[in-house]
Amino acid sequence: MDVRQKVLEQITEAEVVDLTQQLVRIKSYFGVPNVETAVAELINSYLKAEGIDSEVKEIFDGRSNVYGELTGE
């Protein structure tokens, strides 16, 4: 079984829709304080809730990236 299939077996359509709705609700466009940081924090909290090691690192003022790591074979 390939990785894609393994992932699809672990997530439901409802989870994808819920996460997408949460992401769309976050104001993350130019002119909003901390631009993308709230998006990065939401993704980070989602990954952590799923047991995935992750962290948020600010790259520029208000602009952050999320780094996650899945360990395995």
Protein backbone atom coordinates (compact mmCIF):
# COMPACT_ATOMS: atom_id res chain seq x y z
CA MET A 1 0.00 0.00 0.00
CA ASP A 2 1.38 3.41 -0.92
CA VAL A 3 1.65 6.42 1.41
CA ARG A 4 -1.24 8.23 -0.27
CA GLN A 5 -3.60 5.35 0.41
CA LYS A 6 -2.45 5.12 4.05
CA VAL A 7 -3.19 8.82 4.54
CA LEU A 8 -6.62 8.55 2.94
CA GLU A 9 -7.50 5.72 5.32
CA GLN A 10 -6.71 7.93 8.32
CA ILE A 11 -8.79 11.00 7.52
CA THR A 12 -12.46 11.47 6.75
CA GLU A 13 -14.09 13.84 4.33
CA ALA A 14 -15.76 15.58 7.28
CA GLU A 15 -12.34 16.24 8.86
CA VAL A 16 -11.05 17.75 5.61
CA VAL A 17 -14.12 19.97 5.30
CA ASP A 18 -13.88 21.08 8.95
CA LEU A 19 -10.19 21.96 8.69
CA THR A 20 -10.76 23.80 5.41
CA GLN A 21 -13.61 25.82 6.95
CA GLN A 22 -11.44 26.78 9.92
CA LEU A 23 -8.61 27.87 7.64
CA VAL A 24 -10.88 29.95 5.39
CA ARG A 25 -12.32 31.80 8.40
CA ILE A 26 -8.91 33.11 9.47
CA LYS A 27 -8.06 36.55 8.16
CA SER A 28 -4.65 36.09 6.59
CA TYR A 29 -4.35 38.66 3.85
CA PHE A 30 -2.05 41.65 3.47
CA GLY A 31 -2.81 44.35 6.00
CA VAL A 32 -4.01 42.00 8.74
CA PRO A 33 -1.71 42.02 11.78
CA ASN A 34 0.45 38.87 11.91
CA VAL A 35 -0.69 38.03 8.37
CA GLU A 36 -0.28 34.23 8.25
CA THR A 37 0.68 33.46 11.85
CA ALA A 38 -2.86 32.49 12.89
CA VAL A 39 -3.04 30.04 9.97
CA ALA A 40 0.30 28.53 10.96
CA GLU A 41 -0.83 28.20 14.56
CA LEU A 42 -4.05 26.44 13.54
CA ILE A 43 -2.15 23.98 11.34
CA ASN A 44 0.36 23.40 14.13
CA SER A 45 -2.37 22.67 16.67
CA TYR A 46 -4.07 20.30 14.21
CA LEU A 47 -0.84 18.38 13.63
CA LYS A 48 -0.12 18.15 17.35
CA ALA A 49 -3.66 16.87 18.03
CA GLU A 50 -2.96 14.13 15.47
CA GLY A 51 0.24 13.18 17.31
CA ILE A 52 2.57 14.71 14.73
CA ASP A 53 5.63 16.57 15.99
CA SER A 54 5.47 20.12 14.68
CA GLU A 55 6.48 23.67 15.42
CA VAL A 56 5.84 27.20 14.20
CA LYS A 57 8.78 29.41 13.27
CA GLU A 58 8.41 33.08 12.46
CA ILE A 59 10.24 33.87 9.24
CA PHE A 60 9.39 37.58 8.99
CA ASP A 61 7.19 39.83 11.09
CA GLY A 62 3.81 38.13 11.23
CA ARG A 63 4.80 35.53 8.65
CA SER A 64 5.36 32.06 9.98
CA ASN A 65 5.96 28.58 8.64
CA VAL A 66 4.90 25.27 10.15
CA TYR A 67 7.34 22.40 10.23
CA GLY A 68 6.03 18.91 10.90
CA GLU A 69 7.72 15.56 10.96
CA LEU A 70 6.40 12.05 10.62
CA THR A 71 8.90 9.43 11.58
CA GLY A 72 8.67 5.94 10.29
CA GLU A 73 10.32 3.17 8.41
